[in-house]
PDB file of N, CA and C in Angstrom:
ATOM      1  N   SER A   1      35.768  17.103  22.840  1.00  0.00           N
ATOM      2  CA  SER A   1      35.532  16.405  24.090  1.00  0.00           C
ATOM      3  C   SER A   1      34.298  15.518  23.953  1.00  0.00           C
ATOM      4  N   THR A   2      34.076  14.705  24.931  1.00  0.00           N
ATOM      5  CA  THR A   2      32.953  13.772  24.924  1.00  0.00           C
ATOM      6  C   THR A   2      31.619  14.511  24.967  1.00  0.00           C
ATOM      7  N   GLU A   3      31.540  15.559  25.775  1.00  0.00           N
ATOM      8  CA  GLU A   3      30.293  16.322  25.878  1.00  0.00           C
ATOM      9  C   GLU A   3      29.933  16.975  24.547  1.00  0.00           C
ATOM     10  N   GLU A   4      30.943  17.478  23.844  1.00  0.00           N
ATOM     11  CA  GLU A   4      30.692  18.104  22.542  1.00  0.00           C
ATOM     12  C   GLU A   4      30.220  17.080  21.526  1.00  0.00           C
ATOM     13  N   SER A   5      30.814  15.901  21.521  1.00  0.00           N
ATOM     14  CA  SER A   5      30.399  14.875  20.549  1.00  0.00           C
ATOM     15  C   SER A   5      28.982  14.386  20.850  1.00  0.00           C
ATOM     16  N   ILE A   6      28.640  14.299  22.131  1.00  0.00           N
ATOM     17  CA  ILE A   6      27.275  13.900  22.497  1.00  0.00           C
ATOM     18  C   ILE A   6      26.281  14.965  22.049  1.00  0.00           C
ATOM     19  N   ALA A   7      26.632  16.227  22.260  1.00  0.00           N
ATOM     20  CA  ALA A   7      25.745  17.321  21.852  1.00  0.00           C
ATOM     21  C   ALA A   7      25.573  17.343  20.338  1.00  0.00           C
ATOM     22  N   LEU A   8      26.662  17.146  19.599  1.00  0.00           N
ATOM     23  CA  LEU A   8      26.577  17.121  18.137  1.00  0.00           C
ATOM     24  C   LEU A   8      25.728  15.953  17.651  1.00  0.00           C
ATOM     25  N   LYS A   9      25.888  14.802  18.284  1.00  0.00           N
ATOM     26  CA  LYS A   9      25.095  13.623  17.912  1.00  0.00           C
ATOM     27  C   LYS A   9      23.612  13.873  18.197  1.00  0.00           C
ATOM     28  N   ALA A  10      23.306  14.511  19.326  1.00  0.00           N
ATOM     29  CA  ALA A  10      21.922  14.805  19.675  1.00  0.00           C
ATOM     30  C   ALA A  10      21.294  15.747  18.652  1.00  0.00           C
ATOM     31  N   VAL A  11      22.033  16.782  18.249  1.00  0.00           N
ATOM     32  CA  VAL A  11      21.517  17.725  17.249  1.00  0.00           C
ATOM     33  C   VAL A  11      21.313  17.005  15.917  1.00  0.00           C
ATOM     34  N   ASP A  12      22.235  16.116  15.567  1.00  0.00           N
ATOM     35  CA  ASP A  12      22.105  15.358  14.315  1.00  0.00           C
ATOM     36  C   ASP A  12      20.871  14.456  14.357  1.00  0.00           C
ATOM     37  N   LEU A  13      20.629  13.804  15.481  1.00  0.00           N
ATOM     38  CA  LEU A  13      19.457  12.936  15.613  1.00  0.00           C
ATOM     39  C   LEU A  13      18.154  13.731  15.534  1.00  0.00           C
ATOM     40  N   ILE A  14      18.124  14.896  16.161  1.00  0.00           N
ATOM     41  CA  ILE A  14      16.927  15.743  16.106  1.00  0.00           C
ATOM     42  C   ILE A  14      16.672  16.208  14.679  1.00  0.00           C
ATOM     43  N   ASP A  15      17.729  16.563  13.963  1.00  0.00           N
ATOM     44  CA  ASP A  15      17.594  16.992  12.576  1.00  0.00           C
ATOM     45  C   ASP A  15      17.100  15.845  11.692  1.00  0.00           C
ATOM     46  N   THR A  16      17.641  14.660  11.907  1.00  0.00           N
ATOM     47  CA  THR A  16      17.203  13.489  11.140  1.00  0.00           C
ATOM     48  C   THR A  16      15.736  13.179  11.419  1.00  0.00           C
ATOM     49  N   ARG A  17      15.341  13.265  12.686  1.00  0.00           N
ATOM     50  CA  ARG A  17      13.944  13.013  13.045  1.00  0.00           C
ATOM     51  C   ARG A  17      13.010  14.020  12.384  1.00  0.00           C
ATOM     52  N   ALA A  18      13.417  15.270  12.329  1.00  0.00           N
ATOM     53  CA  ALA A  18      12.595  16.296  11.684  1.00  0.00           C
ATOM     54  C   ALA A  18      12.429  15.987  10.196  1.00  0.00           C
ATOM     55  N   ASP A  19      13.496  15.546   9.548  1.00  0.00           N
ATOM     56  CA  ASP A  19      13.406  15.174   8.132  1.00  0.00           C
ATOM     57  C   ASP A  19      12.470  13.987   7.938  1.00  0.00           C
ATOM     58  N   LEU A  20      12.559  13.008   8.827  1.00  0.00           N
ATOM     59  CA  LEU A  20      11.707  11.824   8.713  1.00  0.00           C
ATOM     60  C   LEU A  20      10.242  12.156   8.984  1.00  0.00           C
ATOM     61  N   LEU A  21       9.978  13.079   9.893  1.00  0.00           N
ATOM     62  CA  LEU A  21       8.594  13.483  10.144  1.00  0.00           C
ATOM     63  C   LEU A  21       7.985  14.156   8.915  1.00  0.00           C
ATOM     64  N   ALA A  22       8.773  14.952   8.221  1.00  0.00           N
ATOM     65  CA  ALA A  22       8.281  15.589   6.995  1.00  0.00           C
ATOM     66  C   ALA A  22       7.968  14.531   5.939  1.00  0.00           C
ATOM     67  N   ALA A  23       8.845  13.552   5.793  1.00  0.00           N
ATOM     68  CA  ALA A  23       8.604  12.472   4.833  1.00  0.00           C
ATOM     69  C   ALA A  23       7.397  11.643   5.247  1.00  0.00           C
ATOM     70  N   ASN A  24       7.250  11.413   6.534  1.00  0.00           N
ATOM     71  CA  ASN A  24       6.110  10.657   7.056  1.00  0.00           C
ATOM     72  C   ASN A  24       4.801  11.358   6.723  1.00  0.00           C
ATOM     73  N   ASN A  25       4.770  12.667   6.870  1.00  0.00           N
ATOM     74  CA  ASN A  25       3.553  13.416   6.561  1.00  0.00           C
ATOM     75  C   ASN A  25       3.213  13.355   5.082  1.00  0.00           C
ATOM     76  N   LEU A  26       4.214  13.337   4.218  1.00  0.00           N
ATOM     77  CA  LEU A  26       3.961  13.215   2.777  1.00  0.00           C
ATOM     78  C   LEU A  26       3.468  11.817   2.428  1.00  0.00           C
ATOM     79  N   LEU A  27       4.086  10.823   3.014  1.00  0.00           N
ATOM     80  CA  LEU A  27       3.767   9.430   2.690  1.00  0.00           C
ATOM     81  C   LEU A  27       2.368   9.053   3.148  1.00  0.00           C
ATOM     82  N   PHE A  28       1.981   9.495   4.330  1.00  0.00           N
ATOM     83  CA  PHE A  28       0.695   9.108   4.896  1.00  0.00           C
ATOM     84  C   PHE A  28      -0.291  10.258   4.871  1.00  0.00           C
ATOM     85  N   LYS A  29      -0.225  11.054   3.837  1.00  0.00           N
ATOM     86  CA  LYS A  29      -1.075  12.238   3.739  1.00  0.00           C
ATOM     87  C   LYS A  29      -2.558  11.866   3.713  1.00  0.00           C
ATOM     88  N   GLU A  30      -2.909  10.841   2.977  1.00  0.00           N
ATOM     89  CA  GLU A  30      -4.317  10.483   2.811  1.00  0.00           C
ATOM     90  C   GLU A  30      -4.832   9.578   3.926  1.00  0.00           C
ATOM     91  N   ASP A  31      -4.379   8.328   3.938  1.00  0.00           N
ATOM     92  CA  ASP A  31      -4.940   7.359   4.870  1.00  0.00           C
ATOM     93  C   ASP A  31      -3.862   6.381   5.303  1.00  0.00           C
ATOM     94  N   ARG A  32      -3.358   6.562   6.486  1.00  0.00           N
ATOM     95  CA  ARG A  32      -2.273   5.726   7.011  1.00  0.00           C
ATOM     96  C   ARG A  32      -2.714   4.256   7.116  1.00  0.00           C
ATOM     97  N   TYR A  33      -3.929   4.014   7.577  1.00  0.00           N
ATOM     98  CA  TYR A  33      -4.435   2.652   7.718  1.00  0.00           C
ATOM     99  C   TYR A  33      -4.485   1.950   6.365  1.00  0.00           C
ATOM    100  N   ALA A  34      -4.987   2.625   5.341  1.00  0.00           N
ATOM    101  CA  ALA A  34      -5.095   2.018   4.011  1.00  0.00           C
ATOM    102  C   ALA A  34      -3.711   1.690   3.451  1.00  0.00           C
ATOM    103  N   PHE A  35      -2.738   2.544   3.715  1.00  0.00           N
ATOM    104  CA  PHE A  35      -1.378   2.287   3.247  1.00  0.00           C
ATOM    105  C   PHE A  35      -0.826   1.001   3.859  1.00  0.00           C
ATOM    106  N   PHE A  36      -0.928   0.873   5.180  1.00  0.00           N
ATOM    107  CA  PHE A  36      -0.391  -0.314   5.848  1.00  0.00           C
ATOM    108  C   PHE A  36      -1.194  -1.564   5.495  1.00  0.00           C
ATOM    109  N   ARG A  37      -2.500  -1.440   5.339  1.00  0.00           N
ATOM    110  CA  ARG A  37      -3.319  -2.590   4.946  1.00  0.00           C
ATOM    111  C   ARG A  37      -2.907  -3.090   3.565  1.00  0.00           C
ATOM    112  N   SER A  38      -2.711  -2.168   2.630  1.00  0.00           N
ATOM    113  CA  SER A  38      -2.300  -2.545   1.286  1.00  0.00           C
ATOM    114  C   SER A  38      -0.920  -3.198   1.293  1.00  0.00           C
ATOM    115  N   ALA A  39       0.009  -2.626   2.049  1.00  0.00           N
ATOM    116  CA  ALA A  39       1.353  -3.210   2.127  1.00  0.00           C
ATOM    117  C   ALA A  39       1.296  -4.609   2.728  1.00  0.00           C
ATOM    118  N   TYR A  40       0.491  -4.793   3.772  1.00  0.00           N
ATOM    119  CA  TYR A  40       0.351  -6.108   4.399  1.00  0.00           C
ATOM    120  C   TYR A  40      -0.234  -7.122   3.416  1.00  0.00           C
ATOM    121  N   LEU A  41      -1.293  -6.739   2.726  1.00  0.00           N
ATOM    122  CA  LEU A  41      -1.936  -7.673   1.804  1.00  0.00           C
ATOM    123  C   LEU A  41      -1.034  -8.021   0.623  1.00  0.00           C
ATOM    124  N   GLN A  42      -0.277  -7.053   0.134  1.00  0.00           N
ATOM    125  CA  GLN A  42       0.659  -7.336  -0.955  1.00  0.00           C
ATOM    126  C   GLN A  42       1.744  -8.301  -0.492  1.00  0.00           C
ATOM    127  N   ASN A  43       2.269  -8.097   0.705  1.00  0.00           N
ATOM    128  CA  ASN A  43       3.295  -8.990   1.230  1.00  0.00           C
ATOM    129  C   ASN A  43       2.731 -10.388   1.472  1.00  0.00           C
ATOM    130  N   ARG A  44       1.520 -10.453   2.007  1.00  0.00           N
ATOM    131  CA  ARG A  44       0.873 -11.749   2.259  1.00  0.00           C
ATOM    132  C   ARG A  44       0.652 -12.508   0.951  1.00  0.00           C
ATOM    133  N   ASN A  45       0.194 -11.812  -0.075  1.00  0.00           N
ATOM    134  CA  ASN A  45      -0.013 -12.419  -1.381  1.00  0.00           C
ATOM    135  C   ASN A  45       1.307 -12.934  -1.952  1.00  0.00           C
ATOM    136  N   PHE A  46       2.367 -12.168  -1.794  1.00  0.00           N
ATOM    137  CA  PHE A  46       3.689 -12.569  -2.257  1.00  0.00           C
ATOM    138  C   PHE A  46       4.142 -13.843  -1.557  1.00  0.00           C
ATOM    139  N   LEU A  47       3.946 -13.911  -0.237  1.00  0.00           N
ATOM    140  CA  LEU A  47       4.366 -15.086   0.519  1.00  0.00           C
ATOM    141  C   LEU A  47       3.520 -16.310   0.179  1.00  0.00           C
ATOM    142  N   ILE A  48       2.214 -16.132   0.018  1.00  0.00           N
ATOM    143  CA  ILE A  48       1.335 -17.255  -0.306  1.00  0.00           C
ATOM    144  C   ILE A  48       1.681 -17.849  -1.664  1.00  0.00           C
ATOM    145  N   LYS A  49       2.002 -16.999  -2.628  1.00  0.00           N
ATOM    146  CA  LYS A  49       2.271 -17.461  -3.991  1.00  0.00           C
ATOM    147  C   LYS A  49       3.751 -17.677  -4.263  1.00  0.00           C
ATOM    148  N   ASP A  50       4.561 -17.766  -3.210  1.00  0.00           N
ATOM    149  CA  ASP A  50       6.005 -17.998  -3.331  1.00  0.00           C
ATOM    150  C   ASP A  50       6.676 -17.036  -4.293  1.00  0.00           C
ATOM    151  N   GLY A  51       6.265 -15.792  -4.270  1.00  0.00           N
ATOM    152  CA  GLY A  51       6.892 -14.768  -5.097  1.00  0.00           C
ATOM    153  C   GLY A  51       6.383 -14.708  -6.525  1.00  0.00           C
ATOM    154  N   GLU A  52       5.440 -15.565  -6.878  1.00  0.00           N
ATOM    155  CA  GLU A  52       4.893 -15.595  -8.237  1.00  0.00           C
ATOM    156  C   GLU A  52       3.640 -14.726  -8.300  1.00  0.00           C
ATOM    157  N   VAL A  53       3.820 -13.423  -8.275  1.00  0.00           N
ATOM    158  CA  VAL A  53       2.685 -12.508  -8.324  1.00  0.00           C
ATOM    159  C   VAL A  53       2.766 -11.668  -9.586  1.00  0.00           C
ATOM    160  N   GLU A  54       1.613 -11.181 -10.004  1.00  0.00           N
ATOM    161  CA  GLU A  54       1.573 -10.331 -11.191  1.00  0.00           C
ATOM    162  C   GLU A  54       2.099  -8.945 -10.840  1.00  0.00           C
ATOM    163  N   ASP A  55       2.971  -8.435 -11.675  1.00  0.00           N
ATOM    164  CA  ASP A  55       3.513  -7.091 -11.498  1.00  0.00           C
ATOM    165  C   ASP A  55       3.137  -6.281 -12.730  1.00  0.00           C
ATOM    166  N   PRO A  56       2.160  -5.380 -12.622  1.00  0.00           N
ATOM    167  CA  PRO A  56       1.714  -4.638 -13.807  1.00  0.00           C
ATOM    168  C   PRO A  56       2.806  -3.736 -14.392  1.00  0.00           C
ATOM    169  N   PHE A  57       3.820  -3.430 -13.608  1.00  0.00           N
ATOM    170  CA  PHE A  57       4.887  -2.569 -14.094  1.00  0.00           C
ATOM    171  C   PHE A  57       6.023  -3.359 -14.729  1.00  0.00           C
ATOM    172  N   ALA A  58       5.991  -4.679 -14.623  1.00  0.00           N
ATOM    173  CA  ALA A  58       7.079  -5.506 -15.144  1.00  0.00           C
ATOM    174  C   ALA A  58       6.853  -5.932 -16.588  1.00  0.00           C
ATOM    175  N   ASP A  59       5.708  -5.645 -17.162  1.00  0.00           N
ATOM    176  CA  ASP A  59       5.394  -6.078 -18.520  1.00  0.00           C
ATOM    177  C   ASP A  59       5.953  -5.080 -19.526  1.00  0.00           C
ATOM    178  N   ASP A  60       7.163  -5.327 -19.985  1.00  0.00           N
ATOM    179  CA  ASP A  60       7.808  -4.441 -20.948  1.00  0.00           C
ATOM    180  C   ASP A  60       7.672  -4.945 -22.386  1.00  0.00           C
ATOM    181  N   GLU A  61       7.028  -6.087 -22.588  1.00  0.00           N
ATOM    182  CA  GLU A  61       6.937  -6.670 -23.918  1.00  0.00           C
ATOM    183  C   GLU A  61       6.136  -5.803 -24.889  1.00  0.00           C
ATOM    184  N   ASP A  62       5.111  -5.128 -24.413  1.00  0.00           N
ATOM    185  CA  ASP A  62       4.243  -4.337 -25.282  1.00  0.00           C
ATOM    186  C   ASP A  62       4.745  -2.911 -25.483  1.00  0.00           C
ATOM    187  N   PHE A  63       5.812  -2.542 -24.818  1.00  0.00           N
ATOM    188  CA  PHE A  63       6.299  -1.174 -24.894  1.00  0.00           C
ATOM    189  C   PHE A  63       7.270  -1.029 -26.054  1.00  0.00           C
ATOM    190  N   ASP A  64       7.022  -0.052 -26.916  1.00  0.00           N
ATOM    191  CA  ASP A  64       7.896   0.198 -28.043  1.00  0.00           C
ATOM    192  C   ASP A  64       8.902   1.285 -27.677  1.00  0.00           C
ATOM    193  N   TYR A  65      10.122   0.871 -27.394  1.00  0.00           N
ATOM    194  CA  TYR A  65      11.145   1.807 -26.944  1.00  0.00           C
ATOM    195  C   TYR A  65      11.627   2.741 -28.046  1.00  0.00           C
ATOM    196  N   GLU A  66      11.437   2.369 -29.297  1.00  0.00           N
ATOM    197  CA  GLU A  66      11.893   3.213 -30.396  1.00  0.00           C
ATOM    198  C   GLU A  66      11.078   4.496 -30.493  1.00  0.00           C
ATOM    199  N   ASP A  67       9.817   4.477 -30.065  1.00  0.00           N
ATOM    200  CA  ASP A  67       8.984   5.663 -30.079  1.00  0.00           C
ATOM    201  C   ASP A  67       9.283   6.590 -28.902  1.00  0.00           C
ATOM    202  N   PHE A  68      10.036   6.099 -27.959  1.00  0.00           N
ATOM    203  CA  PHE A  68      10.320   6.856 -26.752  1.00  0.00           C
ATOM    204  C   PHE A  68      11.291   7.919 -27.025  1.00  0.00           C
TER     205      PHE A  68
END
């Protein structure tokens, strides 16, 4: 029935919210302001430089995969 589907949806939403709150606490464990400031500045730098930003994790030229 409609009432049952609404109740099931409500329980599902509450469960999803609880999962997201746990993830939120892990993500912002140290400093929520510093996280958002860093994300903002990285995005701003990306937009100013038209996507031409240095990515320290993208440099695979010096990595020797045979030793891996």
